[in-house]
Amino acid sequence: MEWAIVIPVLLLLLLCPLMMIGMIVRDRMSGRKSVGDHGGHGMMCMGHGGGRHESSSVGHEAAAPTVDELKAERDRLDEIIARAEKAAPR
């Protein structure tokens, strides 16, 4: 009879950590990386995730590079690669 009380209490105590572990595993398998970001839904049960999503999406859109910036970066990298190939002995 005591186990009828203990088992549900243990399940309730383990529910939140098990859900967090499950979400981390799901994120890793789908290619997302939210460890240390505090942006995942798992942190909401600890009181950290309230308004994070709104400010996060605005920040990512504002920080997105333009096509011209990406082309300039590609040209810069091409120059660095060409210099490295000239300097590397074969």
N, C-alpha and C. Protein backbone atom coordinates (compact mmCIF):
# COMPACT_ATOMS: atom_id res chain seq x y z
N MET A 1 0.82 -1.20 0.00
CA MET A 1 0.00 0.00 0.00
C MET A 1 0.86 1.26 0.00
N GLU A 2 2.03 1.18 0.67
CA GLU A 2 2.90 2.35 0.70
C GLU A 2 3.42 2.68 -0.70
N TRP A 3 3.65 1.64 -1.51
CA TRP A 3 4.14 1.87 -2.85
C TRP A 3 3.12 2.58 -3.72
N ALA A 4 1.85 2.44 -3.38
CA ALA A 4 0.81 3.13 -4.14
C ALA A 4 0.90 4.64 -3.96
N ILE A 5 1.52 5.09 -2.89
CA ILE A 5 1.71 6.52 -2.65
C ILE A 5 3.09 6.97 -3.15
N VAL A 6 4.10 6.14 -2.93
CA VAL A 6 5.48 6.51 -3.25
C VAL A 6 5.70 6.60 -4.76
N ILE A 7 5.17 5.67 -5.52
CA ILE A 7 5.41 5.65 -6.97
C ILE A 7 4.87 6.91 -7.66
N PRO A 8 3.62 7.35 -7.41
CA PRO A 8 3.17 8.60 -8.05
C PRO A 8 3.96 9.82 -7.61
N VAL A 9 4.40 9.87 -6.36
CA VAL A 9 5.20 11.01 -5.89
C VAL A 9 6.55 11.03 -6.61
N LEU A 10 7.18 9.87 -6.76
CA LEU A 10 8.45 9.81 -7.49
C LEU A 10 8.27 10.20 -8.95
N LEU A 11 7.20 9.76 -9.56
CA LEU A 11 6.94 10.13 -10.95
C LEU A 11 6.75 11.63 -11.10
N LEU A 12 6.05 12.25 -10.16
CA LEU A 12 5.88 13.70 -10.22
C LEU A 12 7.19 14.44 -10.01
N LEU A 13 8.04 13.95 -9.12
CA LEU A 13 9.33 14.60 -8.89
C LEU A 13 10.27 14.45 -10.09
N LEU A 14 10.15 13.36 -10.82
CA LEU A 14 11.02 13.12 -11.97
C LEU A 14 10.45 13.64 -13.27
N LEU A 15 9.21 14.09 -13.28
CA LEU A 15 8.56 14.49 -14.53
C LEU A 15 9.26 15.65 -15.22
N CYS A 16 9.54 16.73 -14.51
CA CYS A 16 10.16 17.90 -15.14
C CYS A 16 11.58 17.60 -15.66
N PRO A 17 12.45 16.98 -14.84
CA PRO A 17 13.78 16.66 -15.39
C PRO A 17 13.73 15.69 -16.56
N LEU A 18 12.83 14.72 -16.52
CA LEU A 18 12.72 13.78 -17.63
C LEU A 18 12.24 14.49 -18.89
N MET A 19 11.31 15.43 -18.75
CA MET A 19 10.85 16.18 -19.91
C MET A 19 11.98 17.04 -20.48
N MET A 20 12.78 17.65 -19.61
CA MET A 20 13.89 18.47 -20.08
C MET A 20 14.91 17.63 -20.82
N ILE A 21 15.21 16.45 -20.28
CA ILE A 21 16.16 15.56 -20.95
C ILE A 21 15.61 15.13 -22.30
N GLY A 22 14.32 14.82 -22.34
CA GLY A 22 13.69 14.44 -23.60
C GLY A 22 13.75 15.55 -24.63
N MET A 23 13.55 16.80 -24.21
CA MET A 23 13.61 17.91 -25.15
C MET A 23 15.03 18.14 -25.64
N ILE A 24 16.01 17.96 -24.77
CA ILE A 24 17.41 18.11 -25.18
C ILE A 24 17.76 17.05 -26.21
N VAL A 25 17.34 15.81 -25.96
CA VAL A 25 17.62 14.73 -26.90
C VAL A 25 16.94 15.00 -28.23
N ARG A 26 15.67 15.46 -28.19
CA ARG A 26 14.95 15.76 -29.43
C ARG A 26 15.65 16.89 -30.20
N ASP A 27 16.10 17.93 -29.49
CA ASP A 27 16.78 19.03 -30.15
C ASP A 27 18.09 18.58 -30.78
N ARG A 28 18.84 17.73 -30.08
CA ARG A 28 20.10 17.23 -30.62
C ARG A 28 19.87 16.39 -31.86
N MET A 29 18.81 15.57 -31.84
CA MET A 29 18.54 14.70 -32.98
C MET A 29 18.04 15.50 -34.18
N SER A 30 17.36 16.62 -33.93
CA SER A 30 16.85 17.42 -35.04
C SER A 30 17.86 18.45 -35.51
N GLY A 31 19.00 18.57 -34.83
CA GLY A 31 20.06 19.46 -35.28
C GLY A 31 20.07 20.80 -34.58
N ARG A 32 19.14 21.05 -33.68
CA ARG A 32 19.15 22.33 -32.96
C ARG A 32 20.13 22.27 -31.81
N LYS A 33 20.63 23.43 -31.44
CA LYS A 33 21.52 23.50 -30.28
C LYS A 33 21.02 24.60 -29.36
N SER A 34 20.41 24.20 -28.27
CA SER A 34 19.87 25.19 -27.35
C SER A 34 20.53 25.10 -25.98
N VAL A 35 21.59 24.32 -25.86
CA VAL A 35 22.25 24.19 -24.58
C VAL A 35 22.98 25.49 -24.27
N GLY A 36 22.73 26.04 -23.11
CA GLY A 36 23.35 27.29 -22.70
C GLY A 36 22.69 28.52 -23.26
N ASP A 37 21.68 28.35 -24.08
CA ASP A 37 21.02 29.49 -24.71
C ASP A 37 19.89 30.04 -23.86
N HIS A 38 19.33 29.24 -23.01
CA HIS A 38 18.18 29.61 -22.17
C HIS A 38 16.98 29.99 -23.02
N GLY A 39 16.98 29.62 -24.27
CA GLY A 39 15.87 29.96 -25.14
C GLY A 39 14.90 28.81 -25.33
N GLY A 40 15.24 27.64 -24.82
CA GLY A 40 14.36 26.50 -25.00
C GLY A 40 13.18 26.54 -24.05
N HIS A 41 12.16 25.79 -24.37
CA HIS A 41 10.98 25.77 -23.51
C HIS A 41 11.26 25.08 -22.20
N GLY A 42 12.30 24.27 -22.12
CA GLY A 42 12.62 23.57 -20.88
C GLY A 42 12.98 24.50 -19.75
N MET A 43 13.49 25.67 -20.07
CA MET A 43 13.87 26.61 -19.02
C MET A 43 12.66 27.37 -18.47
N MET A 44 11.53 27.29 -19.14
CA MET A 44 10.36 28.04 -18.70
C MET A 44 9.84 27.53 -17.36
N CYS A 45 9.99 26.24 -17.08
CA CYS A 45 9.50 25.72 -15.81
C CYS A 45 10.35 26.22 -14.66
N MET A 46 11.53 26.76 -14.94
CA MET A 46 12.38 27.30 -13.91
C MET A 46 12.27 28.83 -13.82
N GLY A 47 11.38 29.41 -14.61
CA GLY A 47 11.15 30.84 -14.52
C GLY A 47 12.09 31.68 -15.34
N HIS A 48 12.75 31.11 -16.32
CA HIS A 48 13.73 31.87 -17.10
C HIS A 48 13.26 32.23 -18.49
N GLY A 49 12.19 31.64 -18.98
CA GLY A 49 11.90 31.75 -20.40
C GLY A 49 10.76 32.67 -20.78
N GLY A 50 10.31 33.53 -19.92
CA GLY A 50 9.11 34.33 -20.14
C GLY A 50 9.05 35.07 -21.45
N GLY A 51 9.76 36.16 -21.63
CA GLY A 51 9.66 36.97 -22.83
C GLY A 51 10.81 36.78 -23.78
N ARG A 52 11.50 35.70 -23.70
CA ARG A 52 12.71 35.48 -24.48
C ARG A 52 12.41 35.34 -25.96
N HIS A 53 11.30 34.72 -26.31
CA HIS A 53 11.06 34.40 -27.71
C HIS A 53 10.83 35.63 -28.57
N GLU A 54 10.15 36.63 -28.05
CA GLU A 54 9.87 37.82 -28.85
C GLU A 54 11.15 38.60 -29.13
N SER A 55 11.95 38.84 -28.11
CA SER A 55 13.19 39.59 -28.32
C SER A 55 14.20 38.78 -29.11
N SER A 56 14.16 37.46 -28.97
CA SER A 56 15.10 36.61 -29.68
C SER A 56 14.86 36.66 -31.19
N SER A 57 13.59 36.60 -31.62
CA SER A 57 13.31 36.58 -33.05
C SER A 57 13.63 37.92 -33.69
N VAL A 58 13.42 39.01 -32.97
CA VAL A 58 13.75 40.33 -33.51
C VAL A 58 15.26 40.46 -33.65
N GLY A 59 16.00 39.98 -32.68
CA GLY A 59 17.46 40.08 -32.72
C GLY A 59 18.06 39.29 -33.87
N HIS A 60 17.50 38.13 -34.17
CA HIS A 60 18.03 37.32 -35.26
C HIS A 60 17.73 37.93 -36.61
N GLU A 61 16.58 38.55 -36.77
CA GLU A 61 16.25 39.18 -38.05
C GLU A 61 17.13 40.41 -38.29
N ALA A 62 17.39 41.18 -37.25
CA ALA A 62 18.20 42.38 -37.39
C ALA A 62 19.66 42.02 -37.65
N ALA A 63 20.12 40.88 -37.16
CA ALA A 63 21.52 40.50 -37.29
C ALA A 63 21.79 39.71 -38.57
N ALA A 64 20.77 39.41 -39.35
CA ALA A 64 20.96 38.63 -40.57
C ALA A 64 21.75 39.45 -41.60
N PRO A 65 22.81 38.85 -42.16
CA PRO A 65 23.62 39.59 -43.14
C PRO A 65 22.88 39.74 -44.47
N THR A 66 23.19 40.80 -45.17
CA THR A 66 22.57 41.03 -46.48
C THR A 66 23.35 40.25 -47.54
N VAL A 67 22.81 40.21 -48.75
CA VAL A 67 23.45 39.49 -49.85
C VAL A 67 24.78 40.15 -50.20
N ASP A 68 24.82 41.48 -50.19
CA ASP A 68 26.08 42.17 -50.50
C ASP A 68 27.16 41.86 -49.47
N GLU A 69 26.77 41.81 -48.19
CA GLU A 69 27.75 41.48 -47.15
C GLU A 69 28.26 40.06 -47.32
N LEU A 70 27.36 39.13 -47.68
CA LEU A 70 27.79 37.74 -47.89
C LEU A 70 28.72 37.61 -49.08
N LYS A 71 28.44 38.34 -50.17
CA LYS A 71 29.33 38.31 -51.34
C LYS A 71 30.70 38.88 -50.99
N ALA A 72 30.74 39.96 -50.24
CA ALA A 72 32.01 40.55 -49.83
C ALA A 72 32.79 39.58 -48.94
N GLU A 73 32.10 38.88 -48.06
CA GLU A 73 32.76 37.90 -47.20
C GLU A 73 33.31 36.74 -48.02
N ARG A 74 32.54 36.29 -49.02
CA ARG A 74 33.00 35.20 -49.89
C ARG A 74 34.25 35.63 -50.66
N ASP A 75 34.27 36.87 -51.17
CA ASP A 75 35.45 37.37 -51.89
C ASP A 75 36.66 37.43 -50.97
N ARG A 76 36.44 37.90 -49.75
CA ARG A 76 37.54 37.99 -48.79
C ARG A 76 38.10 36.61 -48.48
N LEU A 77 37.21 35.63 -48.30
CA LEU A 77 37.67 34.27 -48.03
C LEU A 77 38.39 33.67 -49.23
N ASP A 78 37.93 33.96 -50.43
CA ASP A 78 38.61 33.48 -51.64
C ASP A 78 40.04 34.02 -51.71
N GLU A 79 40.22 35.29 -51.36
CA GLU A 79 41.56 35.88 -51.36
C GLU A 79 42.45 35.21 -50.32
N ILE A 80 41.91 34.93 -49.15
CA ILE A 80 42.69 34.28 -48.10
C ILE A 80 43.08 32.87 -48.53
N ILE A 81 42.16 32.15 -49.16
CA ILE A 81 42.45 30.79 -49.63
C ILE A 81 43.52 30.82 -50.72
N ALA A 82 43.42 31.78 -51.62
CA ALA A 82 44.42 31.88 -52.71
C ALA A 82 45.80 32.18 -52.14
N ARG A 83 45.89 33.08 -51.16
CA ARG A 83 47.20 33.36 -50.53
C ARG A 83 47.74 32.15 -49.82
N ALA A 84 46.87 31.39 -49.14
CA ALA A 84 47.32 30.20 -48.42
C ALA A 84 47.81 29.13 -49.38
N GLU A 85 47.16 29.00 -50.54
CA GLU A 85 47.59 28.01 -51.51
C GLU A 85 48.92 28.38 -52.13
N LYS A 86 49.18 29.67 -52.32
CA LYS A 86 50.47 30.11 -52.87
C LYS A 86 51.58 29.87 -51.87
N ALA A 87 51.31 30.09 -50.59
CA ALA A 87 52.33 29.97 -49.55
C ALA A 87 52.59 28.51 -49.16
N ALA A 88 51.64 27.64 -49.38
CA ALA A 88 51.80 26.24 -48.96
C ALA A 88 52.69 25.50 -49.95
N PRO A 89 53.78 24.91 -49.43
CA PRO A 89 54.65 24.10 -50.32
C PRO A 89 53.98 22.77 -50.64
N ARG A 90 54.18 22.31 -51.85
CA ARG A 90 53.58 21.03 -52.25
C ARG A 90 54.61 19.98 -52.40
